[in-house]
Amino acid sequence: MHEQRICLIGGSGFIGSYIAERLAEQEVSLTIATRNRDRHKSSLIVLPKTELVSTNVHHPLALQELLAGHDAVISMVGILHGSRKQFETAHVDLLDKIIAACHKQGVRRIIHISALGADPHGPSDYQQTKGIAEQHLRDSRLEWTILRPSVVFGRGDSFLTLFAGLLDKLPLLPLAGAGTRFAPIWADDLARAVVACLQQPHTIGQSLDLTGPASYTLAELVAYVGRLRGTVRPVIPLPDTLAMLQAGLMEILPGPTLMSRDNVRSLGVDNVSPHPFPSAVLGFSPTPLEVVAPQYLGQDEFNLVLSAYRREAAR
């Protein structure tokens, strides 16, 4: 029996690690492309039948060599901050190169992880380039499935964990897009959806919105994180003008960008779906946020307890 070979592009980060772990449970051989093998090998190379390959996926010949001999590819490269050109390079140009490499190497099956709200006419460069990429994939003549998750949470995320860090440090939180609604999806449920799509041919040609079982405003999510951490803080909703000013200042500050003006534009539309989670298609229902978040944000989390002991000991 032929052992299926899967290539994961963009899979060495937070979401990719969940997908890699779920795929490693299947009878497949997994190749993960990365720019920095040494940085990720400790967590990913231990997975069974998994090969971590250092390569430049933006180079067409390197991409063709990477995909040779594979049965399917999972495309999930994405950035949250950058110029219009950087968004186009990461979201559109790279997917075009993946499509071309798939045709060159005879790889028919592709699962593309896009984003809820992707729209060529959306308010932000992020949403527009994600939407353009979806259009290109639909026109590709490949056997595609597009997964469109709302904001993704889980241990190691850059969403709820970001707010947890801010609430730990700040006496109050000025918040852009406080009224914007999200339907957060657990990273492991997204990974399960990828596995289900690979196993079920009827998902070919489908675009699936992936949302959690409940929706919340951003302010409600921040308040929930504060309750879990024991750091409830006043949330100050910012009007659009002040939000753009705040984001513009954050863009020029040294260190990682926490919020950009393009992020603020994305917050102009709710990140929810008119369609329920596709349980009938995927074979499972999504996990509530309240089941998972306390496990990695709650006060009883090991590192927080350890820190409390150290404070009590005046260390």
Protein backbone atom coordinates (compact mmCIF):
# COMPACT_ATOMS: atom_id res chain seq x y z
CA MET A 1 0.00 0.00 0.00
CA HIS A 2 1.32 3.44 -0.97
CA GLU A 3 2.20 5.62 2.01
CA GLN A 4 0.86 9.11 1.43
CA ARG A 5 3.47 11.89 1.41
CA ILE A 6 2.34 15.32 2.59
CA CYS A 7 4.31 18.57 2.36
CA LEU A 8 3.54 21.32 4.85
CA ILE A 9 4.58 24.83 3.76
CA GLY A 10 4.53 27.42 6.53
CA GLY A 11 4.19 24.69 9.10
CA SER A 12 6.98 25.42 11.57
CA GLY A 13 5.04 27.96 13.62
CA PHE A 14 2.17 27.92 16.12
CA ILE A 15 -0.63 26.51 13.93
CA GLY A 16 1.74 24.34 11.92
CA SER A 17 2.93 22.51 15.02
CA TYR A 18 -0.66 21.44 15.79
CA ILE A 19 -1.19 20.29 12.20
CA ALA A 20 2.11 18.41 12.16
CA GLU A 21 1.22 16.57 15.36
CA ARG A 22 -2.18 15.53 14.00
CA LEU A 23 -0.69 14.38 10.69
CA ALA A 24 2.02 12.45 12.49
CA GLU A 25 -0.74 10.34 14.05
CA GLN A 26 -1.81 9.23 10.57
CA GLU A 27 -0.11 6.73 8.27
CA VAL A 28 1.61 9.46 6.28
CA SER A 29 5.12 10.69 5.62
CA LEU A 30 5.40 14.41 6.41
CA THR A 31 7.82 16.98 5.02
CA ILE A 32 7.93 20.39 6.72
CA ALA A 33 9.62 23.27 4.92
CA THR A 34 11.44 25.77 7.11
CA ARG A 35 13.95 28.59 6.78
CA ASN A 36 15.55 27.73 10.12
CA ARG A 37 15.80 24.01 10.76
CA ASP A 38 17.84 24.33 13.97
CA ARG A 39 15.25 26.64 15.54
CA HIS A 40 12.37 24.19 15.12
CA LYS A 41 14.00 20.75 15.07
CA SER A 42 13.68 20.12 18.82
CA SER A 43 9.87 20.22 18.66
CA LEU A 44 9.13 18.90 15.16
CA ILE A 45 11.88 16.47 14.19
CA VAL A 46 10.83 14.09 16.98
CA LEU A 47 7.51 13.45 15.23
CA PRO A 48 7.38 10.04 13.52
CA LYS A 49 7.94 9.91 9.75
CA THR A 50 8.60 13.64 9.70
CA GLU A 51 11.41 15.38 7.81
CA LEU A 52 12.30 19.01 8.44
CA VAL A 53 13.80 20.54 5.28
CA SER A 54 15.66 23.85 5.14
CA THR A 55 14.74 25.57 1.90
CA ASN A 56 13.65 28.86 0.37
CA VAL A 57 10.06 28.26 -0.67
CA HIS A 58 10.01 31.58 -2.52
CA HIS A 59 12.53 30.18 -5.04
CA PRO A 60 10.59 28.34 -7.80
CA LEU A 61 13.23 25.65 -8.43
CA ALA A 62 13.70 24.98 -4.70
CA LEU A 63 9.92 24.71 -4.37
CA GLN A 64 9.69 22.23 -7.23
CA GLU A 65 12.43 20.12 -5.68
CA LEU A 66 10.64 20.23 -2.31
CA LEU A 67 7.31 19.00 -3.75
CA ALA A 68 8.74 16.23 -5.89
CA GLY A 69 7.23 12.87 -4.98
CA HIS A 70 4.51 14.24 -2.71
CA ASP A 71 0.81 13.41 -2.91
CA ALA A 72 -0.55 16.59 -1.33
CA VAL A 73 0.56 19.97 -0.07
CA ILE A 74 -0.77 22.08 2.79
CA SER A 75 -0.21 25.79 2.20
CA MET A 76 -0.44 28.03 5.24
CA VAL A 77 2.07 30.87 4.93
CA GLY A 78 0.70 34.14 6.28
CA ILE A 79 1.86 37.41 7.82
CA LEU A 80 -0.05 39.90 9.97
CA HIS A 81 2.13 42.98 9.53
CA GLY A 82 3.94 44.54 6.58
CA SER A 83 3.70 46.69 3.50
CA ARG A 84 1.31 45.98 0.62
CA LYS A 85 4.22 44.43 -1.28
CA GLN A 86 5.10 42.16 1.65
CA PHE A 87 1.49 40.98 1.94
CA GLU A 88 1.38 40.28 -1.81
CA THR A 89 4.68 38.37 -1.66
CA ALA A 90 3.60 36.17 1.27
CA HIS A 91 -0.04 35.60 0.40
CA VAL A 92 -0.36 35.83 -3.38
CA ASP A 93 3.02 35.39 -5.04
CA LEU A 94 4.02 32.40 -2.93
CA LEU A 95 0.72 30.60 -3.50
CA ASP A 96 1.11 31.21 -7.23
CA LYS A 97 4.56 29.59 -7.05
CA ILE A 98 3.15 26.64 -5.07
CA ILE A 99 0.41 26.17 -7.68
CA ALA A 100 3.00 26.23 -10.48
CA ALA A 101 5.24 23.75 -8.63
CA CYS A 102 2.27 21.44 -8.04
CA HIS A 103 1.50 21.40 -11.76
CA LYS A 104 5.17 20.84 -12.59
CA GLN A 105 5.51 17.89 -10.19
CA GLY A 106 2.07 16.37 -10.71
CA VAL A 107 0.81 17.16 -7.21
CA ARG A 108 -2.97 17.46 -7.53
CA ARG A 109 -4.22 17.83 -3.94
CA ILE A 110 -3.77 21.09 -2.03
CA ILE A 111 -5.29 22.34 1.21
CA HIS A 112 -4.90 26.07 1.68
CA ILE A 113 -5.37 27.72 5.06
CA SER A 114 -6.66 31.21 4.39
CA ALA A 115 -8.61 33.38 6.83
CA LEU A 116 -12.18 34.25 7.66
CA GLY A 117 -12.78 37.68 6.16
CA ALA A 118 -10.45 37.12 3.20
CA ASP A 119 -11.90 39.33 0.46
CA PRO A 120 -10.30 41.02 -2.57
CA HIS A 121 -12.41 44.06 -1.69
CA GLY A 122 -11.88 43.95 2.09
CA PRO A 123 -10.77 47.01 4.05
CA SER A 124 -7.19 45.85 4.73
CA ASP A 125 -4.20 44.69 2.70
CA TYR A 126 -4.22 41.49 4.76
CA GLN A 127 -7.79 40.63 3.84
CA GLN A 128 -7.45 41.72 0.21
CA THR A 129 -4.32 39.67 -0.51
CA LYS A 130 -5.76 36.63 1.26
CA GLY A 131 -8.88 36.98 -0.90
CA ILE A 132 -6.88 37.36 -4.13
CA ALA A 133 -4.92 34.22 -3.25
CA GLU A 134 -8.16 32.28 -2.79
CA GLN A 135 -9.32 33.37 -6.24
CA HIS A 136 -6.07 32.19 -7.81
CA LEU A 137 -6.39 28.80 -6.14
CA ARG A 138 -9.99 28.37 -7.32
CA ASP A 139 -8.76 29.00 -10.88
CA SER A 140 -5.78 26.64 -10.55
CA ARG A 141 -7.37 23.38 -11.83
CA LEU A 142 -5.92 21.65 -8.75
CA GLU A 143 -7.97 19.57 -6.28
CA TRP A 144 -8.21 22.31 -3.69
CA THR A 145 -9.88 22.84 -0.35
CA ILE A 146 -9.79 26.25 1.32
CA LEU A 147 -10.07 26.50 5.10
CA ARG A 148 -11.05 29.92 6.46
CA PRO A 149 -10.56 30.03 10.26
CA SER A 150 -11.56 32.86 12.53
CA VAL A 151 -8.87 33.90 14.99
CA VAL A 152 -6.99 30.80 16.19
CA PHE A 153 -6.21 30.21 19.86
CA GLY A 154 -4.22 27.64 21.81
CA ARG A 155 -1.06 27.25 23.81
CA GLY A 156 1.61 29.33 22.07
CA ASP A 157 -0.83 31.62 20.26
CA SER A 158 -0.20 35.29 19.56
CA PHE A 159 -3.75 36.42 20.29
CA LEU A 160 -5.05 35.60 23.76
CA THR A 161 -1.49 35.23 25.04
CA LEU A 162 -0.68 38.72 23.76
CA PHE A 163 -3.55 40.24 25.73
CA ALA A 164 -2.57 38.21 28.79
CA GLY A 165 0.90 39.76 28.66
CA LEU A 166 -0.50 43.27 28.25
CA LEU A 167 -2.95 42.83 31.12
CA ASP A 168 -0.13 41.57 33.34
CA LYS A 169 1.80 44.81 32.74
CA LEU A 170 -0.69 47.63 32.18
CA PRO A 171 -3.11 49.30 34.64
CA LEU A 172 -5.66 49.74 31.83
CA LEU A 173 -5.92 48.72 28.18
CA PRO A 174 -6.77 51.14 25.35
CA LEU A 175 -8.34 48.82 22.77
CA ALA A 176 -8.89 49.25 19.04
CA GLY A 177 -11.82 47.34 17.58
CA ALA A 178 -13.30 46.68 21.01
CA GLY A 179 -16.71 45.93 19.52
CA THR A 180 -15.49 43.70 16.68
CA ARG A 181 -16.83 40.16 16.98
CA PHE A 182 -14.73 36.99 16.71
CA ALA A 183 -15.58 33.29 16.78
CA PRO A 184 -12.26 31.83 17.99
CA ILE A 185 -11.31 28.35 16.81
CA TRP A 186 -8.93 26.06 18.71
CA ALA A 187 -5.72 25.29 16.81
CA ASP A 188 -6.21 21.57 17.35
CA ASP A 189 -9.67 21.74 15.75
CA LEU A 190 -8.11 23.46 12.74
CA ALA A 191 -5.54 20.64 12.60
CA ARG A 192 -8.31 18.02 12.78
CA ALA A 193 -10.06 19.78 9.89
CA VAL A 194 -6.90 19.50 7.78
CA VAL A 195 -6.66 15.75 8.47
CA ALA A 196 -10.36 15.26 7.69
CA CYS A 197 -10.02 17.09 4.37
CA LEU A 198 -7.08 14.92 3.34
CA GLN A 199 -9.09 11.81 4.12
CA GLN A 200 -12.38 12.87 2.52
CA PRO A 201 -12.44 13.51 -1.25
CA HIS A 202 -15.84 15.20 -1.00
CA THR A 203 -14.10 18.25 0.51
CA ILE A 204 -12.36 18.91 -2.83
CA GLY A 205 -13.61 22.17 -4.32
CA GLN A 206 -15.07 23.36 -1.02
CA SER A 207 -14.34 26.52 0.95
CA LEU A 208 -15.06 25.94 4.64
CA ASP A 209 -15.46 28.63 7.31
CA LEU A 210 -14.03 27.37 10.60
CA THR A 211 -15.42 29.04 13.71
CA GLY A 212 -15.80 28.15 17.34
CA PRO A 213 -19.21 27.45 18.89
CA ALA A 214 -19.61 31.01 20.24
CA SER A 215 -18.75 34.56 19.24
CA TYR A 216 -17.44 37.39 21.43
CA THR A 217 -16.49 41.02 21.05
CA LEU A 218 -12.80 41.75 21.38
CA ALA A 219 -13.52 43.56 24.64
CA GLU A 220 -15.30 40.47 25.98
CA LEU A 221 -12.32 38.29 25.07
CA VAL A 222 -9.90 40.66 26.81
CA ALA A 223 -12.11 40.72 29.91
CA TYR A 224 -12.25 36.92 29.92
CA VAL A 225 -8.46 36.67 29.71
CA GLY A 226 -8.19 39.13 32.61
CA ARG A 227 -10.48 36.99 34.74
CA LEU A 228 -8.43 33.89 33.97
CA ARG A 229 -5.21 35.67 34.87
CA GLY A 230 -6.55 37.47 37.89
CA THR A 231 -5.59 40.76 36.22
CA VAL A 232 -8.92 42.37 35.43
CA ARG A 233 -8.22 45.82 34.00
CA PRO A 234 -10.41 48.63 32.64
CA VAL A 235 -10.75 48.39 28.85
CA ILE A 236 -10.92 51.74 27.05
CA PRO A 237 -12.48 51.39 23.57
CA LEU A 238 -10.65 53.61 21.08
CA PRO A 239 -12.41 55.45 18.27
CA ASP A 240 -11.02 54.75 14.80
CA THR A 241 -8.96 57.94 14.62
CA LEU A 242 -7.17 57.29 17.91
CA ALA A 243 -6.81 53.59 17.07
CA MET A 244 -5.03 54.45 13.82
CA LEU A 245 -2.80 56.93 15.63
CA GLN A 246 -1.92 54.35 18.30
CA ALA A 247 -1.18 51.71 15.65
CA GLY A 248 0.97 54.12 13.65
CA LEU A 249 3.09 54.75 16.73
CA MET A 250 3.38 51.02 17.40
CA GLU A 251 4.65 50.46 13.86
CA ILE A 252 7.70 52.66 14.45
CA LEU A 253 8.55 51.45 17.94
CA PRO A 254 11.51 49.05 18.23
CA GLY A 255 10.76 45.37 18.68
CA PRO A 256 7.91 43.24 17.31
CA THR A 257 4.87 45.13 16.02
CA LEU A 258 1.90 44.49 18.32
CA MET A 259 -0.65 46.39 16.24
CA SER A 260 -0.48 48.00 12.80
CA ARG A 261 -2.80 50.34 10.93
CA ASP A 262 -3.63 47.46 8.61
CA ASN A 263 -4.73 45.44 11.64
CA VAL A 264 -7.04 48.29 12.65
CA ARG A 265 -8.56 48.30 9.17
CA SER A 266 -9.15 44.54 9.47
CA LEU A 267 -11.01 45.19 12.71
CA GLY A 268 -13.52 47.23 10.73
CA VAL A 269 -15.47 44.04 9.94
CA ASP A 270 -16.62 41.25 12.26
CA ASN A 271 -14.59 38.03 12.07
CA VAL A 272 -17.57 35.69 12.18
CA SER A 273 -19.37 33.54 9.62
CA PRO A 274 -23.03 33.29 8.60
CA HIS A 275 -22.46 29.54 8.28
CA PRO A 276 -22.19 27.13 11.22
CA PHE A 277 -19.10 25.02 11.73
CA PRO A 278 -19.19 22.29 9.02
CA SER A 279 -19.53 19.37 11.45
CA ALA A 280 -21.40 17.22 8.93
CA VAL A 281 -18.54 17.60 6.45
CA LEU A 282 -15.62 17.21 8.86
CA GLY A 283 -17.11 14.72 11.30
CA PHE A 284 -16.62 16.61 14.57
CA SER A 285 -17.79 19.70 16.44
CA PRO A 286 -15.54 22.59 17.56
CA THR A 287 -14.27 22.87 21.12
CA PRO A 288 -15.47 25.79 23.27
CA LEU A 289 -12.90 28.44 24.16
CA GLU A 290 -13.77 28.02 27.84
CA VAL A 291 -12.59 24.40 27.80
CA VAL A 292 -9.10 25.16 26.49
CA ALA A 293 -8.08 28.69 27.48
CA PRO A 294 -7.91 28.06 31.25
CA GLN A 295 -5.37 25.31 30.63
CA TYR A 296 -2.75 27.74 29.34
CA LEU A 297 -3.89 31.15 30.62
CA GLY A 298 -5.34 30.38 34.03
CA GLN A 299 -3.75 31.34 37.34
CA ASP A 300 -3.04 27.71 38.17
CA GLU A 301 -0.74 27.39 35.16
CA PHE A 302 2.61 26.06 36.44
CA ASN A 303 4.82 29.02 35.57
CA LEU A 304 2.43 31.46 37.23
CA VAL A 305 2.36 29.40 40.41
CA LEU A 306 6.14 29.23 40.38
CA SER A 307 6.38 33.00 39.98
CA ALA A 308 4.01 33.50 42.90
CA TYR A 309 6.15 31.28 45.12
CA ARG A 310 9.22 33.28 44.16
CA ARG A 311 7.49 36.58 44.99
CA GLU A 312 6.44 35.25 48.37
CA ALA A 313 10.03 34.17 49.01
CA ALA A 314 11.23 37.69 47.98
CA ARG A 315 13.51 36.20 45.32
